[in-house]
Amino acid sequence: MYIVESFLSLLPRLTHLRLMGETDLWELSLFDGSRWENFIEMKLPLLNKFEFWFTRPVHDHAECNTVESLIAPFQTPFWLEIKR
């Protein structure tokens, strides 16, 4: 996610962000709602619409998160009330 953050930091006046793609297992930080929340508050204060759609491969030996565990970090007041 460091590369994404570095690039987006150059766009502090961004108001709409849509990210789509496939991630590798090592890039789980893209699913980190708390990290996105902190980043948006600090670097993208004018952002009023944030959409993302990521897929990731699941292997038998890989740690599998449930859908609920991926969604839970995006259920905070920041996401539900401030950034609806």
PDB file of N, CA and C in Angstrom:
ATOM      1  N   MET A   1       0.826  -1.198   0.000  1.00  0.00           N
ATOM      2  CA  MET A   1       0.000   0.000   0.000  1.00  0.00           C
ATOM      3  C   MET A   1       0.867   1.258   0.000  1.00  0.00           C
ATOM      4  N   TYR A   2       2.134   1.101   0.335  1.00  0.00           N
ATOM      5  CA  TYR A   2       3.027   2.259   0.396  1.00  0.00           C
ATOM      6  C   TYR A   2       3.054   3.015  -0.932  1.00  0.00           C
ATOM      7  N   ILE A   3       3.109   2.301  -2.036  1.00  0.00           N
ATOM      8  CA  ILE A   3       3.156   2.951  -3.355  1.00  0.00           C
ATOM      9  C   ILE A   3       1.864   3.720  -3.615  1.00  0.00           C
ATOM     10  N   VAL A   4       0.743   3.122  -3.263  1.00  0.00           N
ATOM     11  CA  VAL A   4      -0.559   3.784  -3.448  1.00  0.00           C
ATOM     12  C   VAL A   4      -0.615   5.048  -2.600  1.00  0.00           C
ATOM     13  N   GLU A   5      -0.191   4.946  -1.342  1.00  0.00           N
ATOM     14  CA  GLU A   5      -0.184   6.111  -0.457  1.00  0.00           C
ATOM     15  C   GLU A   5       0.740   7.209  -0.982  1.00  0.00           C
ATOM     16  N   SER A   6       1.903   6.828  -1.454  1.00  0.00           N
ATOM     17  CA  SER A   6       2.851   7.821  -1.979  1.00  0.00           C
ATOM     18  C   SER A   6       2.260   8.579  -3.154  1.00  0.00           C
ATOM     19  N   PHE A   7       1.632   7.853  -4.052  1.00  0.00           N
ATOM     20  CA  PHE A   7       1.020   8.489  -5.222  1.00  0.00           C
ATOM     21  C   PHE A   7      -0.147   9.383  -4.812  1.00  0.00           C
ATOM     22  N   LEU A   8      -1.047   8.865  -3.985  1.00  0.00           N
ATOM     23  CA  LEU A   8      -2.232   9.634  -3.602  1.00  0.00           C
ATOM     24  C   LEU A   8      -1.887  10.847  -2.742  1.00  0.00           C
ATOM     25  N   SER A   9      -0.770  10.794  -2.038  1.00  0.00           N
ATOM     26  CA  SER A   9      -0.334  11.943  -1.232  1.00  0.00           C
ATOM     27  C   SER A   9      -0.073  13.168  -2.093  1.00  0.00           C
ATOM     28  N   LEU A  10       0.171  12.950  -3.364  1.00  0.00           N
ATOM     29  CA  LEU A  10       0.417  14.060  -4.290  1.00  0.00           C
ATOM     30  C   LEU A  10      -0.878  14.717  -4.763  1.00  0.00           C
ATOM     31  N   LEU A  11      -2.019  14.175  -4.331  1.00  0.00           N
ATOM     32  CA  LEU A  11      -3.325  14.661  -4.801  1.00  0.00           C
ATOM     33  C   LEU A  11      -4.224  15.079  -3.633  1.00  0.00           C
ATOM     34  N   PRO A  12      -3.802  16.030  -2.802  1.00  0.00           N
ATOM     35  CA  PRO A  12      -4.569  16.375  -1.601  1.00  0.00           C
ATOM     36  C   PRO A  12      -5.947  16.977  -1.882  1.00  0.00           C
ATOM     37  N   ARG A  13      -6.196  17.433  -3.101  1.00  0.00           N
ATOM     38  CA  ARG A  13      -7.491  18.033  -3.429  1.00  0.00           C
ATOM     39  C   ARG A  13      -8.451  17.032  -4.074  1.00  0.00           C
ATOM     40  N   LEU A  14      -8.059  15.777  -4.089  1.00  0.00           N
ATOM     41  CA  LEU A  14      -8.876  14.717  -4.676  1.00  0.00           C
ATOM     42  C   LEU A  14     -10.211  14.608  -3.940  1.00  0.00           C
ATOM     43  N   THR A  15     -11.307  14.526  -4.685  1.00  0.00           N
ATOM     44  CA  THR A  15     -12.632  14.416  -4.065  1.00  0.00           C
ATOM     45  C   THR A  15     -13.304  13.077  -4.335  1.00  0.00           C
ATOM     46  N   HIS A  16     -12.871  12.368  -5.356  1.00  0.00           N
ATOM     47  CA  HIS A  16     -13.477  11.076  -5.699  1.00  0.00           C
ATOM     48  C   HIS A  16     -12.354  10.106  -6.044  1.00  0.00           C
ATOM     49  N   LEU A  17     -12.352   8.955  -5.385  1.00  0.00           N
ATOM     50  CA  LEU A  17     -11.321   7.956  -5.626  1.00  0.00           C
ATOM     51  C   LEU A  17     -11.969   6.601  -5.851  1.00  0.00           C
ATOM     52  N   ARG A  18     -11.631   5.973  -6.964  1.00  0.00           N
ATOM     53  CA  ARG A  18     -12.093   4.611  -7.259  1.00  0.00           C
ATOM     54  C   ARG A  18     -10.858   3.774  -7.572  1.00  0.00           C
ATOM     55  N   LEU A  19     -10.659   2.735  -6.784  1.00  0.00           N
ATOM     56  CA  LEU A  19      -9.541   1.818  -6.985  1.00  0.00           C
ATOM     57  C   LEU A  19     -10.093   0.440  -7.312  1.00  0.00           C
ATOM     58  N   MET A  20      -9.535  -0.183  -8.316  1.00  0.00           N
ATOM     59  CA  MET A  20      -9.966  -1.523  -8.702  1.00  0.00           C
ATOM     60  C   MET A  20      -8.732  -2.336  -9.063  1.00  0.00           C
ATOM     61  N   GLY A  21      -8.740  -3.601  -8.710  1.00  0.00           N
ATOM     62  CA  GLY A  21      -7.627  -4.446  -9.122  1.00  0.00           C
ATOM     63  C   GLY A  21      -7.542  -5.730  -8.345  1.00  0.00           C
ATOM     64  N   GLU A  22      -6.531  -6.494  -8.671  1.00  0.00           N
ATOM     65  CA  GLU A  22      -6.252  -7.750  -7.986  1.00  0.00           C
ATOM     66  C   GLU A  22      -5.019  -7.548  -7.124  1.00  0.00           C
ATOM     67  N   THR A  23      -5.080  -8.042  -5.918  1.00  0.00           N
ATOM     68  CA  THR A  23      -3.944  -7.900  -5.013  1.00  0.00           C
ATOM     69  C   THR A  23      -3.311  -9.252  -4.778  1.00  0.00           C
ATOM     70  N   ASP A  24      -2.068  -9.224  -4.383  1.00  0.00           N
ATOM     71  CA  ASP A  24      -1.368 -10.431  -4.003  1.00  0.00           C
ATOM     72  C   ASP A  24      -1.593 -10.636  -2.508  1.00  0.00           C
ATOM     73  N   LEU A  25      -1.301 -11.810  -2.021  1.00  0.00           N
ATOM     74  CA  LEU A  25      -1.517 -12.094  -0.603  1.00  0.00           C
ATOM     75  C   LEU A  25      -0.704 -11.183   0.304  1.00  0.00           C
ATOM     76  N   TRP A  26       0.452 -10.700  -0.146  1.00  0.00           N
ATOM     77  CA  TRP A  26       1.298  -9.861   0.705  1.00  0.00           C
ATOM     78  C   TRP A  26       0.749  -8.453   0.846  1.00  0.00           C
ATOM     79  N   GLU A  27      -0.187  -8.070   0.017  1.00  0.00           N
ATOM     80  CA  GLU A  27      -0.689  -6.695   0.029  1.00  0.00           C
ATOM     81  C   GLU A  27      -2.032  -6.593   0.756  1.00  0.00           C
ATOM     82  N   LEU A  28      -2.136  -7.269   1.903  1.00  0.00           N
ATOM     83  CA  LEU A  28      -3.381  -7.234   2.668  1.00  0.00           C
ATOM     84  C   LEU A  28      -3.669  -5.859   3.242  1.00  0.00           C
ATOM     85  N   SER A  29      -2.682  -4.983   3.287  1.00  0.00           N
ATOM     86  CA  SER A  29      -2.907  -3.643   3.829  1.00  0.00           C
ATOM     87  C   SER A  29      -3.929  -2.867   3.001  1.00  0.00           C
ATOM     88  N   LEU A  30      -4.154  -3.261   1.752  1.00  0.00           N
ATOM     89  CA  LEU A  30      -5.184  -2.601   0.942  1.00  0.00           C
ATOM     90  C   LEU A  30      -6.576  -2.826   1.515  1.00  0.00           C
ATOM     91  N   PHE A  31      -6.739  -3.869   2.328  1.00  0.00           N
ATOM     92  CA  PHE A  31      -8.023  -4.176   2.943  1.00  0.00           C
ATOM     93  C   PHE A  31      -8.135  -3.603   4.355  1.00  0.00           C
ATOM     94  N   ASP A  32      -7.163  -2.829   4.776  1.00  0.00           N
ATOM     95  CA  ASP A  32      -7.096  -2.316   6.146  1.00  0.00           C
ATOM     96  C   ASP A  32      -7.877  -1.007   6.272  1.00  0.00           C
ATOM     97  N   GLY A  33      -9.105  -1.110   6.774  1.00  0.00           N
ATOM     98  CA  GLY A  33      -9.966   0.064   6.913  1.00  0.00           C
ATOM     99  C   GLY A  33      -9.396   1.124   7.833  1.00  0.00           C
ATOM    100  N   SER A  34      -8.713   0.710   8.887  1.00  0.00           N
ATOM    101  CA  SER A  34      -8.111   1.676   9.817  1.00  0.00           C
ATOM    102  C   SER A  34      -6.989   2.453   9.143  1.00  0.00           C
ATOM    103  N   ARG A  35      -6.200   1.756   8.370  1.00  0.00           N
ATOM    104  CA  ARG A  35      -5.103   2.437   7.664  1.00  0.00           C
ATOM    105  C   ARG A  35      -5.656   3.424   6.642  1.00  0.00           C
ATOM    106  N   TRP A  36      -6.697   3.011   5.885  1.00  0.00           N
ATOM    107  CA  TRP A  36      -7.329   3.927   4.935  1.00  0.00           C
ATOM    108  C   TRP A  36      -7.918   5.131   5.660  1.00  0.00           C
ATOM    109  N   GLU A  37      -8.582   4.877   6.787  1.00  0.00           N
ATOM    110  CA  GLU A  37      -9.186   5.969   7.555  1.00  0.00           C
ATOM    111  C   GLU A  37      -8.130   6.998   7.949  1.00  0.00           C
ATOM    112  N   ASN A  38      -7.032   6.544   8.516  1.00  0.00           N
ATOM    113  CA  ASN A  38      -5.957   7.459   8.929  1.00  0.00           C
ATOM    114  C   ASN A  38      -5.365   8.194   7.733  1.00  0.00           C
ATOM    115  N   PHE A  39      -5.145   7.477   6.656  1.00  0.00           N
ATOM    116  CA  PHE A  39      -4.557   8.092   5.470  1.00  0.00           C
ATOM    117  C   PHE A  39      -5.476   9.166   4.893  1.00  0.00           C
ATOM    118  N   ILE A  40      -6.749   8.861   4.771  1.00  0.00           N
ATOM    119  CA  ILE A  40      -7.703   9.823   4.203  1.00  0.00           C
ATOM    120  C   ILE A  40      -7.812  11.062   5.086  1.00  0.00           C
ATOM    121  N   GLU A  41      -7.883  10.860   6.401  1.00  0.00           N
ATOM    122  CA  GLU A  41      -7.973  12.012   7.305  1.00  0.00           C
ATOM    123  C   GLU A  41      -6.745  12.914   7.194  1.00  0.00           C
ATOM    124  N   MET A  42      -5.568  12.310   7.045  1.00  0.00           N
ATOM    125  CA  MET A  42      -4.328  13.088   7.029  1.00  0.00           C
ATOM    126  C   MET A  42      -3.977  13.652   5.646  1.00  0.00           C
ATOM    127  N   LYS A  43      -4.207  12.886   4.599  1.00  0.00           N
ATOM    128  CA  LYS A  43      -3.693  13.258   3.278  1.00  0.00           C
ATOM    129  C   LYS A  43      -4.757  13.637   2.252  1.00  0.00           C
ATOM    130  N   LEU A  44      -5.994  13.193   2.450  1.00  0.00           N
ATOM    131  CA  LEU A  44      -7.054  13.462   1.468  1.00  0.00           C
ATOM    132  C   LEU A  44      -8.288  14.047   2.159  1.00  0.00           C
ATOM    133  N   PRO A  45      -8.143  15.183   2.805  1.00  0.00           N
ATOM    134  CA  PRO A  45      -9.249  15.732   3.595  1.00  0.00           C
ATOM    135  C   PRO A  45     -10.483  16.109   2.778  1.00  0.00           C
ATOM    136  N   LEU A  46     -10.338  16.331   1.493  1.00  0.00           N
ATOM    137  CA  LEU A  46     -11.479  16.731   0.660  1.00  0.00           C
ATOM    138  C   LEU A  46     -12.184  15.546   0.009  1.00  0.00           C
ATOM    139  N   LEU A  47     -11.666  14.356   0.224  1.00  0.00           N
ATOM    140  CA  LEU A  47     -12.254  13.167  -0.395  1.00  0.00           C
ATOM    141  C   LEU A  47     -13.663  12.941   0.142  1.00  0.00           C
ATOM    142  N   ASN A  48     -14.643  12.890  -0.747  1.00  0.00           N
ATOM    143  CA  ASN A  48     -16.013  12.644  -0.297  1.00  0.00           C
ATOM    144  C   ASN A  48     -16.604  11.372  -0.889  1.00  0.00           C
ATOM    145  N   LYS A  49     -15.901  10.733  -1.798  1.00  0.00           N
ATOM    146  CA  LYS A  49     -16.372   9.460  -2.340  1.00  0.00           C
ATOM    147  C   LYS A  49     -15.179   8.535  -2.538  1.00  0.00           C
ATOM    148  N   PHE A  50     -15.248   7.376  -1.892  1.00  0.00           N
ATOM    149  CA  PHE A  50     -14.171   6.395  -1.958  1.00  0.00           C
ATOM    150  C   PHE A  50     -14.776   5.042  -2.292  1.00  0.00           C
ATOM    151  N   GLU A  51     -14.407   4.519  -3.433  1.00  0.00           N
ATOM    152  CA  GLU A  51     -14.901   3.211  -3.859  1.00  0.00           C
ATOM    153  C   GLU A  51     -13.701   2.321  -4.146  1.00  0.00           C
ATOM    154  N   PHE A  52     -13.785   1.072  -3.705  1.00  0.00           N
ATOM    155  CA  PHE A  52     -12.726   0.156  -4.095  1.00  0.00           C
ATOM    156  C   PHE A  52     -13.287  -1.233  -4.299  1.00  0.00           C
ATOM    157  N   TRP A  53     -12.641  -1.927  -5.190  1.00  0.00           N
ATOM    158  CA  TRP A  53     -13.000  -3.300  -5.504  1.00  0.00           C
ATOM    159  C   TRP A  53     -11.711  -4.044  -5.762  1.00  0.00           C
ATOM    160  N   PHE A  54     -11.380  -4.938  -4.840  1.00  0.00           N
ATOM    161  CA  PHE A  54     -10.167  -5.727  -4.975  1.00  0.00           C
ATOM    162  C   PHE A  54     -10.511  -7.202  -4.889  1.00  0.00           C
ATOM    163  N   THR A  55      -9.789  -7.981  -5.625  1.00  0.00           N
ATOM    164  CA  THR A  55      -9.865  -9.426  -5.480  1.00  0.00           C
ATOM    165  C   THR A  55      -8.488  -9.899  -5.055  1.00  0.00           C
ATOM    166  N   ARG A  56      -8.471 -11.032  -4.430  1.00  0.00           N
ATOM    167  CA  ARG A  56      -7.191 -11.616  -4.065  1.00  0.00           C
ATOM    168  C   ARG A  56      -7.292 -13.122  -4.179  1.00  0.00           C
ATOM    169  N   PRO A  57      -6.212 -13.762  -4.568  1.00  0.00           N
ATOM    170  CA  PRO A  57      -6.236 -15.217  -4.682  1.00  0.00           C
ATOM    171  C   PRO A  57      -6.276 -15.855  -3.299  1.00  0.00           C
ATOM    172  N   VAL A  58      -6.940 -16.971  -3.199  1.00  0.00           N
ATOM    173  CA  VAL A  58      -6.993 -17.722  -1.944  1.00  0.00           C
ATOM    174  C   VAL A  58      -6.398 -19.095  -2.219  1.00  0.00           C
ATOM    175  N   HIS A  59      -5.407 -19.434  -1.446  1.00  0.00           N
ATOM    176  CA  HIS A  59      -4.736 -20.721  -1.583  1.00  0.00           C
ATOM    177  C   HIS A  59      -5.059 -21.564  -0.358  1.00  0.00           C
ATOM    178  N   ASP A  60      -5.008 -22.858  -0.495  1.00  0.00           N
ATOM    179  CA  ASP A  60      -5.330 -23.761   0.612  1.00  0.00           C
ATOM    180  C   ASP A  60      -4.498 -23.482   1.852  1.00  0.00           C
ATOM    181  N   HIS A  61      -3.255 -23.117   1.672  1.00  0.00           N
ATOM    182  CA  HIS A  61      -2.361 -22.897   2.809  1.00  0.00           C
ATOM    183  C   HIS A  61      -2.392 -21.451   3.321  1.00  0.00           C
ATOM    184  N   ALA A  62      -3.096 -20.603   2.641  1.00  0.00           N
ATOM    185  CA  ALA A  62      -3.111 -19.180   3.010  1.00  0.00           C
ATOM    186  C   ALA A  62      -4.101 -18.917   4.135  1.00  0.00           C
ATOM    187  N   GLU A  63      -3.823 -17.878   4.876  1.00  0.00           N
ATOM    188  CA  GLU A  63      -4.765 -17.428   5.899  1.00  0.00           C
ATOM    189  C   GLU A  63      -5.968 -16.814   5.186  1.00  0.00           C
ATOM    190  N   CYS A  64      -7.137 -17.338   5.489  1.00  0.00           N
ATOM    191  CA  CYS A  64      -8.349 -16.848   4.831  1.00  0.00           C
ATOM    192  C   CYS A  64      -9.150 -16.006   5.809  1.00  0.00           C
ATOM    193  N   ASN A  65      -9.389 -14.800   5.462  1.00  0.00           N
ATOM    194  CA  ASN A  65     -10.237 -13.933   6.263  1.00  0.00           C
ATOM    195  C   ASN A  65     -11.674 -14.122   5.826  1.00  0.00           C
ATOM    196  N   THR A  66     -12.579 -13.969   6.767  1.00  0.00           N
ATOM    197  CA  THR A  66     -13.988 -14.019   6.409  1.00  0.00           C
ATOM    198  C   THR A  66     -14.383 -12.671   5.822  1.00  0.00           C
ATOM    199  N   VAL A  67     -15.472 -12.671   5.105  1.00  0.00           N
ATOM    200  CA  VAL A  67     -15.977 -11.416   4.547  1.00  0.00           C
ATOM    201  C   VAL A  67     -16.245 -10.431   5.675  1.00  0.00           C
ATOM    202  N   GLU A  68     -16.812 -10.933   6.759  1.00  0.00           N
ATOM    203  CA  GLU A  68     -17.128 -10.068   7.897  1.00  0.00           C
ATOM    204  C   GLU A  68     -15.873  -9.415   8.477  1.00  0.00           C
ATOM    205  N   SER A  69     -14.783 -10.174   8.551  1.00  0.00           N
ATOM    206  CA  SER A  69     -13.558  -9.605   9.128  1.00  0.00           C
ATOM    207  C   SER A  69     -12.934  -8.553   8.206  1.00  0.00           C
ATOM    208  N   LEU A  70     -13.181  -8.662   6.915  1.00  0.00           N
ATOM    209  CA  LEU A  70     -12.682  -7.647   5.983  1.00  0.00           C
ATOM    210  C   LEU A  70     -13.543  -6.388   6.008  1.00  0.00           C
ATOM    211  N   ILE A  71     -14.834  -6.558   6.249  1.00  0.00           N
ATOM    212  CA  ILE A  71     -15.768  -5.429   6.261  1.00  0.00           C
ATOM    213  C   ILE A  71     -15.737  -4.682   7.591  1.00  0.00           C
ATOM    214  N   ALA A  72     -15.502  -5.388   8.682  1.00  0.00           N
ATOM    215  CA  ALA A  72     -15.577  -4.799  10.027  1.00  0.00           C
ATOM    216  C   ALA A  72     -14.787  -3.498  10.188  1.00  0.00           C
ATOM    217  N   PRO A  73     -13.550  -3.385   9.693  1.00  0.00           N
ATOM    218  CA  PRO A  73     -12.812  -2.129   9.857  1.00  0.00           C
ATOM    219  C   PRO A  73     -13.443  -0.944   9.121  1.00  0.00           C
ATOM    220  N   PHE A  74     -14.362  -1.218   8.218  1.00  0.00           N
ATOM    221  CA  PHE A  74     -15.051  -0.156   7.486  1.00  0.00           C
ATOM    222  C   PHE A  74     -16.427   0.142   8.096  1.00  0.00           C
ATOM    223  N   GLN A  75     -16.660  -0.344   9.317  1.00  0.00           N
ATOM    224  CA  GLN A  75     -17.923  -0.123  10.005  1.00  0.00           C
ATOM    225  C   GLN A  75     -17.777   0.869  11.162  1.00  0.00           C
ATOM    226  N   THR A  76     -16.769   1.698  11.121  1.00  0.00           N
ATOM    227  CA  THR A  76     -16.540   2.683  12.182  1.00  0.00           C
ATOM    228  C   THR A  76     -17.353   3.946  11.897  1.00  0.00           C
ATOM    229  N   PRO A  77     -17.511   4.829  12.880  1.00  0.00           N
ATOM    230  CA  PRO A  77     -18.225   6.088  12.638  1.00  0.00           C
ATOM    231  C   PRO A  77     -17.634   6.894  11.476  1.00  0.00           C
ATOM    232  N   PHE A  78     -16.325   6.827  11.289  1.00  0.00           N
ATOM    233  CA  PHE A  78     -15.697   7.542  10.168  1.00  0.00           C
ATOM    234  C   PHE A  78     -16.334   7.121   8.852  1.00  0.00           C
ATOM    235  N   TRP A  79     -16.464   5.824   8.635  1.00  0.00           N
ATOM    236  CA  TRP A  79     -17.012   5.320   7.371  1.00  0.00           C
ATOM    237  C   TRP A  79     -18.523   5.431   7.309  1.00  0.00           C
ATOM    238  N   LEU A  80     -19.192   5.161   8.410  1.00  0.00           N
ATOM    239  CA  LEU A  80     -20.659   5.111   8.399  1.00  0.00           C
ATOM    240  C   LEU A  80     -21.319   6.479   8.523  1.00  0.00           C
ATOM    241  N   GLU A  81     -20.675   7.412   9.211  1.00  0.00           N
ATOM    242  CA  GLU A  81     -21.308   8.705   9.460  1.00  0.00           C
ATOM    243  C   GLU A  81     -20.612   9.863   8.732  1.00  0.00           C
ATOM    244  N   ILE A  82     -19.295   9.869   8.748  1.00  0.00           N
ATOM    245  CA  ILE A  82     -18.560  10.994   8.161  1.00  0.00           C
ATOM    246  C   ILE A  82     -18.396  10.833   6.656  1.00  0.00           C
ATOM    247  N   LYS A  83     -17.956   9.656   6.218  1.00  0.00           N
ATOM    248  CA  LYS A  83     -17.662   9.434   4.799  1.00  0.00           C
ATOM    249  C   LYS A  83     -18.731   8.612   4.082  1.00  0.00           C
ATOM    250  N   ARG A  84     -19.809   8.350   4.713  1.00  0.00           N
ATOM    251  CA  ARG A  84     -20.917   7.552   4.151  1.00  0.00           C
ATOM    252  C   ARG A  84     -20.663   7.159   2.757  1.00  0.00           C
TER     253      ARG A  84
END
